[in-house]
N, C-alpha and C. Protein backbone atom coordinates (compact mmCIF):
# COMPACT_ATOMS: atom_id res chain seq x y z
N MET A 1 -27.25 62.80 -197.12
CA MET A 1 -26.17 61.89 -196.69
C MET A 1 -25.18 62.64 -195.83
N ASN A 2 -24.83 62.12 -194.71
CA ASN A 2 -23.85 62.75 -193.85
C ASN A 2 -22.49 62.77 -194.51
N SER A 3 -21.67 63.73 -194.10
CA SER A 3 -20.31 63.80 -194.61
C SER A 3 -19.41 64.27 -193.49
N VAL A 4 -18.13 64.05 -193.68
CA VAL A 4 -17.13 64.56 -192.76
C VAL A 4 -16.78 65.97 -193.21
N GLU A 5 -17.13 66.98 -192.40
CA GLU A 5 -16.98 68.36 -192.82
C GLU A 5 -15.52 68.75 -193.04
N ASP A 6 -14.65 68.30 -192.16
CA ASP A 6 -13.23 68.56 -192.30
C ASP A 6 -12.51 67.21 -192.27
N PRO A 7 -12.41 66.54 -193.43
CA PRO A 7 -11.86 65.18 -193.42
C PRO A 7 -10.43 65.09 -192.93
N VAL A 8 -9.63 66.13 -193.14
CA VAL A 8 -8.23 66.09 -192.69
C VAL A 8 -8.17 66.08 -191.17
N ALA A 9 -8.85 67.02 -190.53
CA ALA A 9 -8.86 67.08 -189.07
C ALA A 9 -9.51 65.84 -188.48
N TRP A 10 -10.58 65.38 -189.11
CA TRP A 10 -11.30 64.21 -188.59
C TRP A 10 -10.43 62.98 -188.63
N VAL A 11 -9.76 62.72 -189.76
CA VAL A 11 -8.97 61.49 -189.87
C VAL A 11 -7.73 61.55 -188.99
N ARG A 12 -7.19 62.74 -188.76
CA ARG A 12 -6.05 62.88 -187.85
C ARG A 12 -6.44 62.44 -186.43
N GLU A 13 -7.55 62.94 -185.96
CA GLU A 13 -8.00 62.61 -184.61
C GLU A 13 -8.46 61.15 -184.52
N ARG A 14 -9.09 60.68 -185.57
CA ARG A 14 -9.56 59.29 -185.59
C ARG A 14 -8.36 58.33 -185.54
N ALA A 15 -7.33 58.61 -186.31
CA ALA A 15 -6.13 57.76 -186.30
C ALA A 15 -5.46 57.78 -184.93
N ARG A 16 -5.42 58.94 -184.32
CA ARG A 16 -4.85 59.05 -182.98
C ARG A 16 -5.59 58.16 -181.99
N ASP A 17 -6.91 58.20 -182.04
CA ASP A 17 -7.71 57.39 -181.13
C ASP A 17 -7.54 55.90 -181.39
N ILE A 18 -7.51 55.52 -182.67
CA ILE A 18 -7.35 54.10 -183.02
C ILE A 18 -6.05 53.54 -182.46
N VAL A 19 -4.97 54.30 -182.64
CA VAL A 19 -3.67 53.82 -182.19
C VAL A 19 -3.60 53.80 -180.67
N ARG A 20 -4.18 54.77 -180.03
CA ARG A 20 -4.18 54.77 -178.56
C ARG A 20 -4.91 53.56 -178.00
N ARG A 21 -5.99 53.14 -178.66
CA ARG A 21 -6.72 51.95 -178.21
C ARG A 21 -5.98 50.67 -178.59
N GLY A 22 -5.32 50.67 -179.75
CA GLY A 22 -4.48 49.56 -180.16
C GLY A 22 -5.19 48.29 -180.59
N GLN A 23 -6.43 48.39 -181.02
CA GLN A 23 -7.19 47.22 -181.44
C GLN A 23 -7.56 47.31 -182.91
N ALA A 24 -7.27 46.23 -183.66
CA ALA A 24 -7.60 46.17 -185.10
C ALA A 24 -7.13 47.43 -185.81
N VAL A 25 -5.90 47.80 -185.57
CA VAL A 25 -5.39 49.09 -186.06
C VAL A 25 -5.48 49.20 -187.57
N ARG A 26 -4.96 48.21 -188.28
CA ARG A 26 -4.95 48.30 -189.75
C ARG A 26 -6.36 48.44 -190.32
N LYS A 27 -7.28 47.60 -189.87
CA LYS A 27 -8.65 47.61 -190.38
C LYS A 27 -9.34 48.93 -190.08
N GLN A 28 -9.21 49.40 -188.85
CA GLN A 28 -9.90 50.64 -188.47
C GLN A 28 -9.31 51.85 -189.18
N VAL A 29 -7.99 51.87 -189.34
CA VAL A 29 -7.38 52.96 -190.08
C VAL A 29 -7.85 52.95 -191.54
N ALA A 30 -7.92 51.77 -192.13
CA ALA A 30 -8.37 51.67 -193.53
C ALA A 30 -9.78 52.24 -193.68
N GLU A 31 -10.66 51.93 -192.75
CA GLU A 31 -12.03 52.43 -192.84
C GLU A 31 -12.08 53.95 -192.62
N ALA A 32 -11.26 54.44 -191.70
CA ALA A 32 -11.21 55.88 -191.47
C ALA A 32 -10.69 56.62 -192.71
N VAL A 33 -9.65 56.08 -193.31
CA VAL A 33 -9.09 56.70 -194.51
C VAL A 33 -10.11 56.68 -195.65
N ALA A 34 -10.81 55.57 -195.81
CA ALA A 34 -11.83 55.50 -196.86
C ALA A 34 -12.92 56.53 -196.65
N SER A 35 -13.37 56.69 -195.40
CA SER A 35 -14.39 57.70 -195.11
C SER A 35 -13.89 59.11 -195.42
N ALA A 36 -12.66 59.40 -195.00
CA ALA A 36 -12.10 60.72 -195.24
C ALA A 36 -11.87 60.97 -196.72
N ALA A 37 -11.36 59.96 -197.43
CA ALA A 37 -11.10 60.12 -198.86
C ALA A 37 -12.38 60.32 -199.65
N ARG A 38 -13.45 59.67 -199.22
CA ARG A 38 -14.75 59.87 -199.87
C ARG A 38 -15.18 61.33 -199.80
N ASP A 39 -14.79 62.02 -198.74
CA ASP A 39 -15.21 63.40 -198.52
C ASP A 39 -14.13 64.42 -198.85
N ALA A 40 -13.09 64.00 -199.57
CA ALA A 40 -11.91 64.85 -199.73
C ALA A 40 -11.94 65.77 -200.94
N ARG A 41 -13.04 65.80 -201.70
CA ARG A 41 -13.11 66.69 -202.86
C ARG A 41 -12.96 68.14 -202.41
N GLY A 42 -11.99 68.83 -202.95
CA GLY A 42 -11.75 70.22 -202.60
C GLY A 42 -10.77 70.41 -201.47
N VAL A 43 -10.33 69.33 -200.83
CA VAL A 43 -9.34 69.44 -199.76
C VAL A 43 -7.98 69.77 -200.36
N ALA A 44 -7.32 70.77 -199.82
CA ALA A 44 -5.98 71.12 -200.30
C ALA A 44 -5.04 69.94 -200.09
N GLY A 45 -4.38 69.53 -201.15
CA GLY A 45 -3.49 68.38 -201.04
C GLY A 45 -4.14 67.06 -201.35
N GLY A 46 -5.47 67.03 -201.40
CA GLY A 46 -6.20 65.84 -201.80
C GLY A 46 -5.91 64.61 -200.97
N LEU A 47 -5.79 63.48 -201.64
CA LEU A 47 -5.60 62.21 -200.96
C LEU A 47 -4.27 62.14 -200.21
N ALA A 48 -3.25 62.81 -200.73
CA ALA A 48 -1.97 62.85 -200.02
C ALA A 48 -2.11 63.55 -198.68
N ALA A 49 -2.96 64.57 -198.61
CA ALA A 49 -3.21 65.26 -197.34
C ALA A 49 -3.91 64.35 -196.35
N ILE A 50 -4.80 63.50 -196.85
CA ILE A 50 -5.46 62.52 -195.99
C ILE A 50 -4.44 61.55 -195.42
N ALA A 51 -3.53 61.07 -196.28
CA ALA A 51 -2.49 60.15 -195.82
C ALA A 51 -1.60 60.81 -194.78
N HIS A 52 -1.18 62.04 -195.04
CA HIS A 52 -0.31 62.78 -194.12
C HIS A 52 -0.98 62.94 -192.76
N ALA A 53 -2.24 63.37 -192.76
CA ALA A 53 -2.95 63.61 -191.50
C ALA A 53 -3.13 62.32 -190.72
N THR A 54 -3.39 61.23 -191.42
CA THR A 54 -3.57 59.94 -190.75
C THR A 54 -2.29 59.52 -190.04
N ILE A 55 -1.17 59.61 -190.74
CA ILE A 55 0.11 59.23 -190.14
C ILE A 55 0.45 60.16 -188.98
N GLU A 56 0.20 61.44 -189.14
CA GLU A 56 0.49 62.41 -188.08
C GLU A 56 -0.30 62.07 -186.81
N GLY A 57 -1.60 61.85 -186.98
CA GLY A 57 -2.42 61.50 -185.82
C GLY A 57 -2.02 60.19 -185.20
N ALA A 58 -1.71 59.20 -186.05
CA ALA A 58 -1.29 57.90 -185.54
C ALA A 58 0.01 57.99 -184.77
N ALA A 59 0.96 58.78 -185.26
CA ALA A 59 2.24 58.93 -184.57
C ALA A 59 2.04 59.59 -183.21
N GLN A 60 1.14 60.55 -183.14
CA GLN A 60 0.84 61.16 -181.85
C GLN A 60 0.22 60.14 -180.90
N GLY A 61 -0.70 59.35 -181.42
CA GLY A 61 -1.33 58.32 -180.60
C GLY A 61 -0.34 57.27 -180.13
N ALA A 62 0.60 56.90 -181.00
CA ALA A 62 1.61 55.91 -180.63
C ALA A 62 2.52 56.43 -179.52
N ALA A 63 2.89 57.70 -179.61
CA ALA A 63 3.75 58.29 -178.58
C ALA A 63 3.03 58.34 -177.24
N GLU A 64 1.74 58.57 -177.25
CA GLU A 64 0.97 58.63 -176.01
C GLU A 64 0.74 57.24 -175.42
N ALA A 65 0.56 56.26 -176.31
CA ALA A 65 0.25 54.91 -175.83
C ALA A 65 1.50 54.12 -175.46
N ALA A 66 2.59 54.34 -176.19
CA ALA A 66 3.82 53.57 -175.97
C ALA A 66 5.02 54.47 -176.18
N PRO A 67 5.38 55.26 -175.18
CA PRO A 67 6.44 56.26 -175.34
C PRO A 67 7.78 55.69 -175.80
N HIS A 68 8.00 54.39 -175.61
CA HIS A 68 9.30 53.82 -175.96
C HIS A 68 9.22 52.86 -177.15
N GLY A 69 8.15 52.92 -177.89
CA GLY A 69 8.01 52.03 -179.03
C GLY A 69 7.04 52.61 -180.04
N GLY A 70 6.46 51.74 -180.85
CA GLY A 70 5.43 52.20 -181.76
C GLY A 70 5.70 51.98 -183.23
N ALA A 71 6.92 51.58 -183.62
CA ALA A 71 7.22 51.41 -185.04
C ALA A 71 6.36 50.33 -185.67
N ASP A 72 6.15 49.22 -184.98
CA ASP A 72 5.32 48.15 -185.51
C ASP A 72 3.88 48.64 -185.72
N THR A 73 3.38 49.39 -184.76
CA THR A 73 2.03 49.94 -184.89
C THR A 73 1.95 50.90 -186.06
N LEU A 74 2.96 51.73 -186.23
CA LEU A 74 2.94 52.69 -187.34
C LEU A 74 3.01 51.99 -188.69
N ARG A 75 3.69 50.86 -188.76
CA ARG A 75 3.68 50.10 -190.01
C ARG A 75 2.28 49.56 -190.31
N GLN A 76 1.56 49.16 -189.25
CA GLN A 76 0.16 48.75 -189.45
C GLN A 76 -0.68 49.91 -189.95
N VAL A 77 -0.40 51.10 -189.43
CA VAL A 77 -1.13 52.29 -189.87
C VAL A 77 -0.85 52.56 -191.35
N VAL A 78 0.40 52.47 -191.75
CA VAL A 78 0.74 52.68 -193.16
C VAL A 78 0.01 51.68 -194.04
N ASP A 79 -0.04 50.42 -193.61
CA ASP A 79 -0.80 49.42 -194.35
C ASP A 79 -2.28 49.82 -194.43
N GLY A 80 -2.81 50.32 -193.32
CA GLY A 80 -4.20 50.74 -193.31
C GLY A 80 -4.47 51.90 -194.24
N VAL A 81 -3.55 52.85 -194.28
CA VAL A 81 -3.69 53.98 -195.21
C VAL A 81 -3.71 53.46 -196.65
N GLY A 82 -2.77 52.58 -196.97
CA GLY A 82 -2.74 52.01 -198.31
C GLY A 82 -4.01 51.24 -198.62
N ASP A 83 -4.47 50.44 -197.67
CA ASP A 83 -5.70 49.67 -197.87
C ASP A 83 -6.90 50.58 -198.11
N GLY A 84 -7.01 51.63 -197.28
CA GLY A 84 -8.15 52.53 -197.41
C GLY A 84 -8.18 53.25 -198.74
N LEU A 85 -7.04 53.76 -199.17
CA LEU A 85 -6.98 54.46 -200.45
C LEU A 85 -7.21 53.50 -201.61
N ALA A 86 -6.67 52.29 -201.51
CA ALA A 86 -6.88 51.30 -202.57
C ALA A 86 -8.35 50.90 -202.67
N THR A 87 -9.02 50.81 -201.54
CA THR A 87 -10.44 50.46 -201.56
C THR A 87 -11.27 51.57 -202.19
N VAL A 88 -10.92 52.82 -201.91
CA VAL A 88 -11.61 53.94 -202.55
C VAL A 88 -11.36 53.90 -204.06
N ALA A 89 -10.13 53.60 -204.46
CA ALA A 89 -9.82 53.50 -205.89
C ALA A 89 -10.65 52.40 -206.54
N GLN A 90 -10.75 51.27 -205.87
CA GLN A 90 -11.55 50.17 -206.39
C GLN A 90 -13.02 50.57 -206.48
N ALA A 91 -13.51 51.26 -205.46
CA ALA A 91 -14.91 51.70 -205.47
C ALA A 91 -15.18 52.68 -206.60
N LEU A 92 -14.23 53.59 -206.84
CA LEU A 92 -14.38 54.53 -207.95
C LEU A 92 -14.45 53.80 -209.28
N GLU A 93 -13.52 52.87 -209.48
CA GLU A 93 -13.50 52.14 -210.75
C GLU A 93 -14.79 51.36 -210.95
N LEU A 94 -15.27 50.68 -209.91
CA LEU A 94 -16.52 49.93 -210.02
C LEU A 94 -17.69 50.85 -210.31
N THR A 95 -17.71 52.01 -209.65
CA THR A 95 -18.78 52.98 -209.88
C THR A 95 -18.86 53.38 -211.34
N LEU A 96 -17.72 53.70 -211.93
CA LEU A 96 -17.70 54.15 -213.32
C LEU A 96 -18.02 53.03 -214.30
N LEU A 97 -17.47 51.85 -214.05
CA LEU A 97 -17.71 50.74 -214.96
C LEU A 97 -19.16 50.27 -214.92
N GLU A 98 -19.82 50.46 -213.78
CA GLU A 98 -21.22 50.03 -213.66
C GLU A 98 -22.21 51.11 -214.07
N SER A 99 -21.70 52.27 -214.50
CA SER A 99 -22.58 53.41 -214.79
C SER A 99 -22.77 53.63 -216.28
N ALA A 100 -22.50 52.64 -217.09
CA ALA A 100 -22.66 52.78 -218.55
C ALA A 100 -24.09 53.22 -218.88
N GLY A 101 -24.19 54.22 -219.75
CA GLY A 101 -25.50 54.71 -220.18
C GLY A 101 -26.03 55.87 -219.37
N GLU A 102 -25.43 56.15 -218.21
CA GLU A 102 -25.91 57.27 -217.39
C GLU A 102 -25.12 58.53 -217.77
N PHE A 103 -25.26 58.95 -219.00
CA PHE A 103 -24.44 60.04 -219.54
C PHE A 103 -24.68 61.35 -218.78
N GLY A 104 -23.58 62.02 -218.46
CA GLY A 104 -23.68 63.32 -217.83
C GLY A 104 -23.96 63.28 -216.35
N ARG A 105 -24.00 62.10 -215.75
CA ARG A 105 -24.36 62.06 -214.34
C ARG A 105 -23.23 62.60 -213.46
N TYR A 106 -21.99 62.35 -213.84
CA TYR A 106 -20.85 62.80 -213.06
C TYR A 106 -20.07 63.85 -213.83
N ALA A 107 -19.61 64.85 -213.10
CA ALA A 107 -18.93 65.98 -213.74
C ALA A 107 -17.53 65.59 -214.19
N ARG A 108 -17.18 66.07 -215.40
CA ARG A 108 -15.84 65.82 -215.92
C ARG A 108 -14.77 66.36 -214.96
N ALA A 109 -15.04 67.50 -214.33
CA ALA A 109 -14.07 68.08 -213.40
C ALA A 109 -13.79 67.15 -212.23
N ASP A 110 -14.82 66.47 -211.73
CA ASP A 110 -14.64 65.54 -210.61
C ASP A 110 -13.82 64.34 -211.05
N LEU A 111 -14.11 63.83 -212.24
CA LEU A 111 -13.35 62.68 -212.72
C LEU A 111 -11.89 63.04 -212.95
N ASP A 112 -11.66 64.23 -213.52
CA ASP A 112 -10.27 64.67 -213.73
C ASP A 112 -9.55 64.84 -212.40
N HIS A 113 -10.25 65.40 -211.42
CA HIS A 113 -9.65 65.61 -210.10
C HIS A 113 -9.24 64.27 -209.48
N LEU A 114 -10.13 63.29 -209.54
CA LEU A 114 -9.83 61.99 -208.94
C LEU A 114 -8.70 61.29 -209.68
N ALA A 115 -8.72 61.39 -211.01
CA ALA A 115 -7.63 60.78 -211.79
C ALA A 115 -6.29 61.39 -211.41
N SER A 116 -6.26 62.71 -211.29
CA SER A 116 -5.02 63.39 -210.91
C SER A 116 -4.59 63.02 -209.50
N ASP A 117 -5.56 62.94 -208.59
CA ASP A 117 -5.26 62.63 -207.19
C ASP A 117 -4.64 61.25 -207.05
N PHE A 118 -5.22 60.26 -207.71
CA PHE A 118 -4.68 58.92 -207.60
C PHE A 118 -3.34 58.80 -208.32
N THR A 119 -3.19 59.48 -209.44
CA THR A 119 -1.91 59.43 -210.14
C THR A 119 -0.79 60.05 -209.30
N SER A 120 -1.10 61.16 -208.63
CA SER A 120 -0.07 61.87 -207.86
C SER A 120 0.40 61.08 -206.64
N LEU A 121 -0.37 60.08 -206.22
CA LEU A 121 0.05 59.28 -205.07
C LEU A 121 1.36 58.54 -205.34
N ALA A 122 1.67 58.30 -206.61
CA ALA A 122 2.92 57.62 -206.94
C ALA A 122 4.12 58.40 -206.41
N SER A 123 4.04 59.72 -206.47
CA SER A 123 5.16 60.56 -206.04
C SER A 123 4.97 61.16 -204.66
N ARG A 124 3.77 61.10 -204.12
CA ARG A 124 3.48 61.81 -202.89
C ARG A 124 3.21 60.92 -201.68
N PHE A 125 2.93 59.64 -201.91
CA PHE A 125 2.53 58.78 -200.81
C PHE A 125 3.63 58.65 -199.76
N VAL A 126 4.82 58.26 -200.19
CA VAL A 126 5.91 58.03 -199.24
C VAL A 126 6.30 59.33 -198.54
N ASP A 127 6.32 60.43 -199.29
CA ASP A 127 6.65 61.72 -198.68
C ASP A 127 5.60 62.13 -197.67
N SER A 128 4.33 61.85 -197.97
CA SER A 128 3.26 62.18 -197.02
C SER A 128 3.42 61.42 -195.71
N VAL A 129 3.83 60.15 -195.82
CA VAL A 129 4.09 59.37 -194.62
C VAL A 129 5.24 59.98 -193.83
N GLY A 130 6.33 60.31 -194.51
CA GLY A 130 7.49 60.88 -193.82
C GLY A 130 7.18 62.20 -193.15
N ARG A 131 6.46 63.07 -193.84
CA ARG A 131 6.13 64.38 -193.25
C ARG A 131 5.18 64.23 -192.08
N GLY A 132 4.29 63.25 -192.16
CA GLY A 132 3.38 63.01 -191.04
C GLY A 132 4.12 62.59 -189.79
N LEU A 133 5.16 61.79 -189.97
CA LEU A 133 5.98 61.38 -188.84
C LEU A 133 6.77 62.55 -188.27
N GLU A 134 7.38 63.32 -189.15
CA GLU A 134 8.22 64.43 -188.71
C GLU A 134 7.44 65.48 -187.94
N SER A 135 6.19 65.70 -188.34
CA SER A 135 5.40 66.73 -187.68
C SER A 135 4.83 66.26 -186.35
N ALA A 136 4.99 64.96 -186.05
CA ALA A 136 4.40 64.42 -184.82
C ALA A 136 5.37 64.41 -183.65
N GLY A 137 6.62 64.85 -183.86
CA GLY A 137 7.53 64.96 -182.74
C GLY A 137 8.76 64.09 -182.87
N GLU A 138 9.65 64.22 -181.92
CA GLU A 138 10.96 63.57 -181.97
C GLU A 138 10.86 62.05 -181.99
N GLN A 139 9.96 61.48 -181.18
CA GLN A 139 9.84 60.03 -181.13
C GLN A 139 9.55 59.45 -182.50
N ALA A 140 8.56 60.03 -183.22
CA ALA A 140 8.20 59.51 -184.53
C ALA A 140 9.32 59.72 -185.52
N THR A 141 10.06 60.81 -185.39
CA THR A 141 11.15 61.08 -186.31
C THR A 141 12.20 59.99 -186.24
N THR A 142 12.47 59.46 -185.06
CA THR A 142 13.47 58.40 -184.92
C THR A 142 13.02 57.11 -185.60
N GLN A 143 11.73 56.96 -185.81
CA GLN A 143 11.19 55.76 -186.44
C GLN A 143 10.96 55.96 -187.94
N ALA A 144 11.25 57.16 -188.43
CA ALA A 144 10.84 57.54 -189.77
C ALA A 144 11.44 56.65 -190.85
N ARG A 145 12.71 56.28 -190.71
CA ARG A 145 13.34 55.50 -191.77
C ARG A 145 12.65 54.15 -191.98
N ALA A 146 12.44 53.43 -190.89
CA ALA A 146 11.80 52.12 -191.00
C ALA A 146 10.38 52.23 -191.53
N VAL A 147 9.65 53.23 -191.07
CA VAL A 147 8.27 53.37 -191.50
C VAL A 147 8.20 53.85 -192.95
N ARG A 148 9.10 54.73 -193.36
CA ARG A 148 9.14 55.16 -194.76
C ARG A 148 9.47 53.98 -195.68
N GLU A 149 10.37 53.13 -195.27
CA GLU A 149 10.69 51.94 -196.08
C GLU A 149 9.45 51.06 -196.23
N HIS A 150 8.68 50.96 -195.16
CA HIS A 150 7.44 50.19 -195.24
C HIS A 150 6.45 50.88 -196.17
N ALA A 151 6.45 52.21 -196.17
CA ALA A 151 5.56 52.96 -197.06
C ALA A 151 5.90 52.69 -198.52
N VAL A 152 7.19 52.54 -198.83
CA VAL A 152 7.58 52.21 -200.20
C VAL A 152 6.97 50.87 -200.62
N ALA A 153 7.07 49.87 -199.74
CA ALA A 153 6.50 48.56 -200.04
C ALA A 153 4.97 48.64 -200.17
N THR A 154 4.35 49.45 -199.32
CA THR A 154 2.89 49.62 -199.39
C THR A 154 2.48 50.26 -200.71
N LEU A 155 3.23 51.26 -201.15
CA LEU A 155 2.93 51.90 -202.43
C LEU A 155 3.08 50.91 -203.58
N GLN A 156 4.11 50.11 -203.55
CA GLN A 156 4.30 49.11 -204.60
C GLN A 156 3.12 48.14 -204.66
N ARG A 157 2.59 47.82 -203.49
CA ARG A 157 1.45 46.89 -203.42
C ARG A 157 0.17 47.52 -203.94
N THR A 158 -0.05 48.78 -203.63
CA THR A 158 -1.33 49.42 -203.94
C THR A 158 -1.35 50.19 -205.25
N TRP A 159 -0.17 50.50 -205.78
CA TRP A 159 -0.12 51.37 -206.96
C TRP A 159 -0.93 50.85 -208.14
N PRO A 160 -0.93 49.54 -208.46
CA PRO A 160 -1.74 49.10 -209.60
C PRO A 160 -3.22 49.45 -209.46
N THR A 161 -3.73 49.40 -208.23
CA THR A 161 -5.14 49.76 -208.01
C THR A 161 -5.35 51.25 -208.21
N PHE A 162 -4.43 52.08 -207.71
CA PHE A 162 -4.53 53.52 -207.93
C PHE A 162 -4.50 53.84 -209.42
N ALA A 163 -3.57 53.22 -210.13
CA ALA A 163 -3.40 53.51 -211.55
C ALA A 163 -4.62 53.09 -212.36
N ALA A 164 -5.21 51.96 -212.01
CA ALA A 164 -6.40 51.49 -212.73
C ALA A 164 -7.57 52.45 -212.55
N ALA A 165 -7.75 52.93 -211.32
CA ALA A 165 -8.83 53.89 -211.06
C ALA A 165 -8.59 55.19 -211.81
N ALA A 166 -7.35 55.67 -211.80
CA ALA A 166 -7.03 56.91 -212.51
C ALA A 166 -7.27 56.76 -214.00
N ALA A 167 -6.89 55.63 -214.57
CA ALA A 167 -7.08 55.41 -216.00
C ALA A 167 -8.57 55.37 -216.36
N THR A 168 -9.36 54.70 -215.54
CA THR A 168 -10.80 54.62 -215.81
C THR A 168 -11.45 56.00 -215.73
N ALA A 169 -11.10 56.78 -214.71
CA ALA A 169 -11.67 58.11 -214.56
C ALA A 169 -11.23 59.04 -215.69
N ARG A 170 -9.97 58.94 -216.07
CA ARG A 170 -9.43 59.82 -217.10
C ARG A 170 -10.00 59.48 -218.48
N ASP A 171 -10.07 58.20 -218.78
CA ASP A 171 -10.53 57.78 -220.10
C ASP A 171 -12.03 57.90 -220.24
N ASP A 172 -12.76 57.79 -219.12
CA ASP A 172 -14.21 57.96 -219.13
C ASP A 172 -14.83 57.15 -220.27
N PRO A 173 -14.66 55.83 -220.30
CA PRO A 173 -15.01 55.05 -221.47
C PRO A 173 -16.48 55.07 -221.86
N VAL A 174 -17.37 55.36 -220.92
CA VAL A 174 -18.79 55.39 -221.26
C VAL A 174 -19.33 56.81 -221.32
N GLY A 175 -18.46 57.80 -221.29
CA GLY A 175 -18.89 59.17 -221.52
C GLY A 175 -19.60 59.83 -220.36
N LEU A 176 -19.33 59.40 -219.14
CA LEU A 176 -20.10 59.90 -218.00
C LEU A 176 -19.94 61.40 -217.79
N GLY A 177 -18.75 61.94 -218.09
CA GLY A 177 -18.50 63.33 -217.76
C GLY A 177 -18.78 64.32 -218.86
N GLN A 178 -19.45 63.91 -219.94
CA GLN A 178 -19.57 64.76 -221.11
C GLN A 178 -20.52 65.94 -220.92
N GLN A 179 -21.59 65.74 -220.17
CA GLN A 179 -22.66 66.72 -220.16
C GLN A 179 -22.96 67.35 -218.80
N ALA A 180 -22.35 66.89 -217.74
CA ALA A 180 -22.79 67.27 -216.39
C ALA A 180 -22.63 68.75 -216.13
N LEU A 181 -21.66 69.42 -216.75
CA LEU A 181 -21.44 70.83 -216.48
C LEU A 181 -22.29 71.74 -217.38
N ALA A 182 -22.95 71.17 -218.36
CA ALA A 182 -23.67 72.00 -219.33
C ALA A 182 -24.81 72.79 -218.72
N ALA A 183 -25.42 72.27 -217.67
CA ALA A 183 -26.58 72.92 -217.08
C ALA A 183 -26.22 73.90 -215.99
N GLY A 184 -24.94 74.15 -215.76
CA GLY A 184 -24.54 75.16 -214.79
C GLY A 184 -24.06 74.58 -213.48
N SER A 185 -23.77 75.49 -212.52
CA SER A 185 -23.14 75.09 -211.27
C SER A 185 -24.03 74.20 -210.42
N GLY A 186 -25.33 74.40 -210.48
CA GLY A 186 -26.24 73.56 -209.71
C GLY A 186 -26.15 72.11 -210.14
N ALA A 187 -26.11 71.89 -211.44
CA ALA A 187 -25.98 70.52 -211.96
C ALA A 187 -24.63 69.94 -211.59
N ALA A 188 -23.58 70.77 -211.63
CA ALA A 188 -22.24 70.29 -211.29
C ALA A 188 -22.18 69.86 -209.83
N LEU A 189 -22.82 70.63 -208.93
CA LEU A 189 -22.84 70.27 -207.52
C LEU A 189 -23.57 68.96 -207.30
N GLU A 190 -24.71 68.80 -207.95
CA GLU A 190 -25.47 67.57 -207.80
C GLU A 190 -24.68 66.39 -208.38
N ALA A 191 -23.95 66.63 -209.47
CA ALA A 191 -23.13 65.58 -210.05
C ALA A 191 -22.06 65.13 -209.07
N SER A 192 -21.45 66.09 -208.35
CA SER A 192 -20.44 65.76 -207.35
C SER A 192 -21.05 64.94 -206.22
N ARG A 193 -22.22 65.34 -205.79
CA ARG A 193 -22.90 64.60 -204.72
C ARG A 193 -23.26 63.19 -205.18
N ALA A 194 -23.72 63.08 -206.43
CA ALA A 194 -24.10 61.77 -206.95
C ALA A 194 -22.90 60.83 -207.00
N LEU A 195 -21.75 61.37 -207.41
CA LEU A 195 -20.54 60.54 -207.47
C LEU A 195 -20.13 60.10 -206.08
N ARG A 196 -20.19 61.02 -205.13
CA ARG A 196 -19.83 60.68 -203.76
C ARG A 196 -20.76 59.62 -203.19
N ARG A 197 -22.07 59.75 -203.45
CA ARG A 197 -23.02 58.74 -202.96
C ARG A 197 -22.75 57.38 -203.59
N ALA A 198 -22.46 57.40 -204.88
CA ALA A 198 -22.21 56.14 -205.59
C ALA A 198 -20.95 55.46 -205.07
N ILE A 199 -19.89 56.24 -204.84
CA ILE A 199 -18.66 55.66 -204.28
C ILE A 199 -18.93 55.12 -202.88
N GLY A 200 -19.72 55.85 -202.09
CA GLY A 200 -20.07 55.38 -200.76
C GLY A 200 -20.79 54.05 -200.79
N ARG A 201 -21.72 53.89 -201.73
CA ARG A 201 -22.43 52.60 -201.84
C ARG A 201 -21.47 51.47 -202.20
N GLN A 202 -20.55 51.76 -203.11
CA GLN A 202 -19.58 50.73 -203.49
C GLN A 202 -18.68 50.37 -202.31
N LEU A 203 -18.28 51.37 -201.53
CA LEU A 203 -17.44 51.10 -200.36
C LEU A 203 -18.16 50.19 -199.38
N GLN A 204 -19.43 50.45 -199.17
CA GLN A 204 -20.18 49.59 -198.27
C GLN A 204 -20.28 48.17 -198.81
N ARG A 205 -20.47 48.03 -200.13
CA ARG A 205 -20.50 46.70 -200.73
C ARG A 205 -19.17 45.99 -200.58
N LEU A 206 -18.10 46.76 -200.50
CA LEU A 206 -16.77 46.19 -200.32
C LEU A 206 -16.45 45.94 -198.85
N GLY A 207 -17.44 46.20 -197.98
CA GLY A 207 -17.29 45.87 -196.57
C GLY A 207 -16.72 46.97 -195.69
N VAL A 208 -16.70 48.20 -196.19
CA VAL A 208 -16.16 49.31 -195.42
C VAL A 208 -17.26 49.94 -194.58
N ALA A 209 -17.01 50.10 -193.28
CA ALA A 209 -17.94 50.79 -192.39
C ALA A 209 -17.60 52.28 -192.42
N LEU A 210 -18.44 53.05 -193.09
CA LEU A 210 -18.17 54.46 -193.31
C LEU A 210 -18.75 55.33 -192.21
N ALA A 211 -18.11 56.48 -191.99
CA ALA A 211 -18.70 57.51 -191.14
C ALA A 211 -19.98 58.00 -191.83
N GLY A 212 -21.11 58.01 -191.09
CA GLY A 212 -22.37 58.44 -191.68
C GLY A 212 -22.98 57.41 -192.59
N GLU A 213 -22.60 56.14 -192.42
CA GLU A 213 -23.03 55.11 -193.34
C GLU A 213 -24.54 54.90 -193.35
N ASP A 214 -25.21 55.27 -192.26
CA ASP A 214 -26.67 55.06 -192.23
C ASP A 214 -27.38 55.91 -193.25
N ASP A 215 -26.70 56.96 -193.79
CA ASP A 215 -27.35 57.83 -194.75
C ASP A 215 -26.93 57.53 -196.18
N VAL A 216 -26.08 56.52 -196.39
CA VAL A 216 -25.67 56.21 -197.75
C VAL A 216 -26.84 55.54 -198.44
N GLY A 217 -27.20 56.11 -199.59
CA GLY A 217 -28.32 55.52 -200.32
C GLY A 217 -28.42 56.06 -201.70
């Protein structure tokens, strides 16, 4: 299955291109974020880093496309970031709830990581948006207040989905993470790949066009 080798750099450039083109911004950003988040295991900063990079790239694209505006577009981007992360959370929850009886297939470490990542978005989402704007230059900084306020509303909208996914991964109600690490690092790596493939399949069922989607199986 194909993957995004550097999801942070990829989603930054992808967001920049989406905003420069200015078509279906929210939808395309959501799909880009979902693709990057699917591949974000081991990325420093996790999902918050994906959000930050997306906003940073989008702000750069907005400055290039509309030097005297862009706040409305950036609010669409924030919505897209929230949508993409929420869809990944939903895909994770569906993956785990549908995997009853497949004991040991997914590593406990991966489930703990995802639970922590989604939980931390409560405190990191709005800050990630703000830092992404600030790092993109003076133009984006002048728009930061309005866009950050929109990020607060987006977090309020998406937080229940993040929390549900975190609770399902943390509680592991069907025992998926009990045995995956017992057979050593090779089994743990395959467990990580299996979880990523399963989340990718769920994302496609939810209508997300993923990077490398032809290899999801």
